[in-house]
PDB file of N, CA and C in Angstrom:
ATOM      1  N   MET A   1      -4.884  34.185  53.164  1.00  0.00           N
ATOM      2  CA  MET A   1      -3.702  34.957  53.915  1.00  0.00           C
ATOM      3  C   MET A   1      -2.534  34.875  53.132  1.00  0.00           C
ATOM      4  N   ALA A   2      -2.256  33.764  52.485  1.00  0.00           N
ATOM      5  CA  ALA A   2      -0.976  33.678  51.565  1.00  0.00           C
ATOM      6  C   ALA A   2      -1.115  34.796  50.438  1.00  0.00           C
ATOM      7  N   ASP A   3      -2.468  34.962  49.858  1.00  0.00           N
ATOM      8  CA  ASP A   3      -2.620  35.891  48.730  1.00  0.00           C
ATOM      9  C   ASP A   3      -2.360  37.166  49.184  1.00  0.00           C
ATOM     10  N   ARG A   4      -2.703  37.649  50.339  1.00  0.00           N
ATOM     11  CA  ARG A   4      -2.506  38.860  50.890  1.00  0.00           C
ATOM     12  C   ARG A   4      -1.135  39.111  50.886  1.00  0.00           C
ATOM     13  N   SER A   5      -0.226  38.238  51.674  1.00  0.00           N
ATOM     14  CA  SER A   5       1.240  38.197  51.954  1.00  0.00           C
ATOM     15  C   SER A   5       1.930  38.359  50.561  1.00  0.00           C
ATOM     16  N   GLU A   6       1.618  37.405  49.661  1.00  0.00           N
ATOM     17  CA  GLU A   6       2.158  37.767  48.133  1.00  0.00           C
ATOM     18  C   GLU A   6       1.927  39.136  47.717  1.00  0.00           C
ATOM     19  N   GLU A   7       0.664  39.661  47.696  1.00  0.00           N
ATOM     20  CA  GLU A   7       0.406  40.909  47.257  1.00  0.00           C
ATOM     21  C   GLU A   7       1.268  41.978  47.943  1.00  0.00           C
ATOM     22  N   ILE A   8       1.457  41.905  49.203  1.00  0.00           N
ATOM     23  CA  ILE A   8       2.196  42.994  49.890  1.00  0.00           C
ATOM     24  C   ILE A   8       3.653  42.702  49.454  1.00  0.00           C
ATOM     25  N   ARG A   9       4.190  41.725  49.381  1.00  0.00           N
ATOM     26  CA  ARG A   9       5.516  41.385  48.766  1.00  0.00           C
ATOM     27  C   ARG A   9       5.624  42.077  47.427  1.00  0.00           C
ATOM     28  N   TYR A  10       4.817  41.797  46.555  1.00  0.00           N
ATOM     29  CA  TYR A  10       4.548  42.383  45.170  1.00  0.00           C
ATOM     30  C   TYR A  10       4.615  43.938  45.264  1.00  0.00           C
ATOM     31  N   LEU A  11       3.825  44.371  45.871  1.00  0.00           N
ATOM     32  CA  LEU A  11       3.754  45.842  46.216  1.00  0.00           C
ATOM     33  C   LEU A  11       5.111  46.510  46.637  1.00  0.00           C
ATOM     34  N   ARG A  12       5.673  45.794  47.523  1.00  0.00           N
ATOM     35  CA  ARG A  12       6.952  46.300  48.015  1.00  0.00           C
ATOM     36  C   ARG A  12       7.942  46.319  46.989  1.00  0.00           C
ATOM     37  N   LYS A  13       8.055  45.122  46.170  1.00  0.00           N
ATOM     38  CA  LYS A  13       8.919  44.941  45.246  1.00  0.00           C
ATOM     39  C   LYS A  13       8.751  46.095  44.277  1.00  0.00           C
ATOM     40  N   LYS A  14       7.548  46.217  43.680  1.00  0.00           N
ATOM     41  CA  LYS A  14       7.221  47.262  42.642  1.00  0.00           C
ATOM     42  C   LYS A  14       7.657  48.717  43.336  1.00  0.00           C
ATOM     43  N   ALA A  15       7.546  48.905  44.460  1.00  0.00           N
ATOM     44  CA  ALA A  15       7.947  50.379  45.160  1.00  0.00           C
ATOM     45  C   ALA A  15       9.364  50.611  44.902  1.00  0.00           C
ATOM     46  N   ARG A  16       9.876  49.355  45.378  1.00  0.00           N
ATOM     47  CA  ARG A  16      11.594  49.430  45.164  1.00  0.00           C
ATOM     48  C   ARG A  16      12.011  49.753  43.807  1.00  0.00           C
ATOM     49  N   GLN A  17      11.433  48.976  42.957  1.00  0.00           N
ATOM     50  CA  GLN A  17      11.776  49.307  41.562  1.00  0.00           C
ATOM     51  C   GLN A  17      11.439  50.529  41.114  1.00  0.00           C
ATOM     52  N   PHE A  18      10.258  51.240  41.601  1.00  0.00           N
ATOM     53  CA  PHE A  18      10.084  52.809  41.221  1.00  0.00           C
ATOM     54  C   PHE A  18      11.047  53.621  41.709  1.00  0.00           C
ATOM     55  N   ARG A  19      11.488  53.277  43.100  1.00  0.00           N
ATOM     56  CA  ARG A  19      12.375  54.244  43.652  1.00  0.00           C
ATOM     57  C   ARG A  19      13.832  53.918  43.058  1.00  0.00           C
ATOM     58  N   GLU A  20      14.214  52.974  42.674  1.00  0.00           N
ATOM     59  CA  GLU A  20      15.519  52.757  41.954  1.00  0.00           C
ATOM     60  C   GLU A  20      15.455  53.365  40.433  1.00  0.00           C
ATOM     61  N   LEU A  21      14.451  53.279  39.893  1.00  0.00           N
ATOM     62  CA  LEU A  21      14.187  53.914  38.644  1.00  0.00           C
ATOM     63  C   LEU A  21      14.405  55.481  38.761  1.00  0.00           C
ATOM     64  N   ALA A  22      13.656  56.055  39.844  1.00  0.00           N
ATOM     65  CA  ALA A  22      13.951  57.515  39.915  1.00  0.00           C
ATOM     66  C   ALA A  22      15.154  57.925  40.378  1.00  0.00           C
ATOM     67  N   ALA A  23      15.976  56.985  40.966  1.00  0.00           N
ATOM     68  CA  ALA A  23      17.422  57.250  41.380  1.00  0.00           C
ATOM     69  C   ALA A  23      18.191  57.211  40.235  1.00  0.00           C
ATOM     70  N   ALA A  24      18.090  56.345  39.315  1.00  0.00           N
ATOM     71  CA  ALA A  24      18.908  55.956  38.305  1.00  0.00           C
ATOM     72  C   ALA A  24      18.670  56.875  37.277  1.00  0.00           C
ATOM     73  N   TYR A  25      17.530  57.350  36.939  1.00  0.00           N
ATOM     74  CA  TYR A  25      17.249  58.164  35.685  1.00  0.00           C
ATOM     75  C   TYR A  25      16.656  59.523  36.334  1.00  0.00           C
ATOM     76  N   ASP A  26      17.594  60.667  36.483  1.00  0.00           N
ATOM     77  CA  ASP A  26      17.045  61.834  36.875  1.00  0.00           C
ATOM     78  C   ASP A  26      16.275  62.477  35.798  1.00  0.00           C
ATOM     79  N   THR A  27      14.974  62.512  35.581  1.00  0.00           N
ATOM     80  CA  THR A  27      14.337  63.083  34.762  1.00  0.00           C
ATOM     81  C   THR A  27      13.155  63.942  35.267  1.00  0.00           C
ATOM     82  N   ASP A  28      12.323  64.425  34.589  1.00  0.00           N
ATOM     83  CA  ASP A  28      10.921  65.167  34.936  1.00  0.00           C
ATOM     84  C   ASP A  28       9.901  64.169  35.675  1.00  0.00           C
ATOM     85  N   LEU A  29      10.275  62.815  35.299  1.00  0.00           N
ATOM     86  CA  LEU A  29       9.298  62.008  35.826  1.00  0.00           C
ATOM     87  C   LEU A  29       9.948  61.373  37.252  1.00  0.00           C
ATOM     88  N   SER A  30      10.900  61.643  37.545  1.00  0.00           N
ATOM     89  CA  SER A  30      11.368  61.117  38.783  1.00  0.00           C
ATOM     90  C   SER A  30      10.617  61.269  40.020  1.00  0.00           C
ATOM     91  N   PRO A  31      10.274  62.520  40.320  1.00  0.00           N
ATOM     92  CA  PRO A  31       9.356  62.674  41.489  1.00  0.00           C
ATOM     93  C   PRO A  31       8.065  61.926  41.268  1.00  0.00           C
ATOM     94  N   ARG A  32       7.510  61.884  40.147  1.00  0.00           N
ATOM     95  CA  ARG A  32       6.137  61.033  40.110  1.00  0.00           C
ATOM     96  C   ARG A  32       6.625  59.580  40.386  1.00  0.00           C
ATOM     97  N   LEU A  33       7.738  58.987  39.856  1.00  0.00           N
ATOM     98  CA  LEU A  33       7.954  57.681  40.242  1.00  0.00           C
ATOM     99  C   LEU A  33       8.083  57.471  41.770  1.00  0.00           C
ATOM    100  N   LEU A  34       8.681  58.472  42.521  1.00  0.00           N
ATOM    101  CA  LEU A  34       8.763  58.316  43.894  1.00  0.00           C
ATOM    102  C   LEU A  34       7.467  58.458  44.515  1.00  0.00           C
ATOM    103  N   GLU A  35       6.473  59.333  43.972  1.00  0.00           N
ATOM    104  CA  GLU A  35       5.179  59.350  44.433  1.00  0.00           C
ATOM    105  C   GLU A  35       4.472  57.892  44.411  1.00  0.00           C
ATOM    106  N   ILE A  36       4.615  57.326  43.279  1.00  0.00           N
ATOM    107  CA  ILE A  36       3.913  56.024  42.926  1.00  0.00           C
ATOM    108  C   ILE A  36       4.461  55.129  44.050  1.00  0.00           C
ATOM    109  N   ALA A  37       5.955  55.024  44.353  1.00  0.00           N
ATOM    110  CA  ALA A  37       6.787  54.362  45.243  1.00  0.00           C
ATOM    111  C   ALA A  37       5.930  54.360  46.675  1.00  0.00           C
ATOM    112  N   ILE A  38       5.593  55.551  46.938  1.00  0.00           N
ATOM    113  CA  ILE A  38       4.945  55.791  48.306  1.00  0.00           C
ATOM    114  C   ILE A  38       3.666  55.410  48.372  1.00  0.00           C
ATOM    115  N   GLU A  39       2.733  55.585  47.185  1.00  0.00           N
ATOM    116  CA  GLU A  39       1.608  54.928  47.153  1.00  0.00           C
ATOM    117  C   GLU A  39       1.393  53.448  47.197  1.00  0.00           C
ATOM    118  N   LEU A  40       2.347  52.862  46.646  1.00  0.00           N
ATOM    119  CA  LEU A  40       2.480  51.466  46.729  1.00  0.00           C
ATOM    120  C   LEU A  40       2.800  50.904  48.031  1.00  0.00           C
ATOM    121  N   GLU A  41       3.803  51.578  48.835  1.00  0.00           N
ATOM    122  CA  GLU A  41       4.107  51.229  50.049  1.00  0.00           C
ATOM    123  C   GLU A  41       2.921  51.414  51.014  1.00  0.00           C
ATOM    124  N   LEU A  42       2.180  52.374  50.803  1.00  0.00           N
ATOM    125  CA  LEU A  42       1.077  52.795  51.611  1.00  0.00           C
ATOM    126  C   LEU A  42      -0.059  51.520  51.585  1.00  0.00           C
ATOM    127  N   ARG A  43      -0.199  51.264  50.212  1.00  0.00           N
ATOM    128  CA  ARG A  43      -1.048  50.228  49.963  1.00  0.00           C
ATOM    129  C   ARG A  43      -0.743  48.828  50.678  1.00  0.00           C
ATOM    130  N   ALA A  44       0.382  48.421  50.560  1.00  0.00           N
ATOM    131  CA  ALA A  44       1.133  47.495  51.355  1.00  0.00           C
ATOM    132  C   ALA A  44       1.060  47.409  52.821  1.00  0.00           C
ATOM    133  N   GLN A  45       1.217  48.705  53.282  1.00  0.00           N
ATOM    134  CA  GLN A  45       0.991  48.911  54.785  1.00  0.00           C
ATOM    135  C   GLN A  45      -0.467  48.596  55.318  1.00  0.00           C
ATOM    136  N   ALA A  46      -1.458  49.152  54.365  1.00  0.00           N
ATOM    137  CA  ALA A  46      -2.884  49.125  54.692  1.00  0.00           C
ATOM    138  C   ALA A  46      -3.261  47.760  54.745  1.00  0.00           C
ATOM    139  N   LEU A  47      -2.647  46.947  53.619  1.00  0.00           N
ATOM    140  CA  LEU A  47      -3.082  45.314  53.559  1.00  0.00           C
ATOM    141  C   LEU A  47      -2.635  44.720  55.040  1.00  0.00           C
ATOM    142  N   GLU A  48      -1.224  45.103  55.299  1.00  0.00           N
ATOM    143  CA  GLU A  48      -0.717  44.507  56.529  1.00  0.00           C
ATOM    144  C   GLU A  48      -1.800  44.726  57.717  1.00  0.00           C
ATOM    145  N   GLU A  49      -2.128  45.720  57.972  1.00  0.00           N
ATOM    146  CA  GLU A  49      -2.855  46.248  58.906  1.00  0.00           C
ATOM    147  C   GLU A  49      -4.424  45.807  58.927  1.00  0.00           C
ATOM    148  N   ARG A  50      -4.709  45.526  57.848  1.00  0.00           N
ATOM    149  CA  ARG A  50      -6.311  44.730  57.731  1.00  0.00           C
ATOM    150  C   ARG A  50      -6.380  43.574  58.502  1.00  0.00           C
ATOM    151  N   ASP A  51      -7.544  43.358  58.945  1.00  0.00           N
ATOM    152  CA  ASP A  51      -7.815  42.352  59.923  1.00  0.00           C
ATOM    153  C   ASP A  51      -8.075  41.050  59.044  1.00  0.00           C
TER     154      ASP A  51
END
């Protein structure tokens, strides 16, 4: 259980970092960084909901 909660925290931290990068540097890659952040959040959510 601790491993899963650590992974969830890690995924959310990385998602936040990707969102911050996308906001700080408005480049052609910014939309992709936001997509990655969403994917990471969805993975964290799936882990939370798993039995």
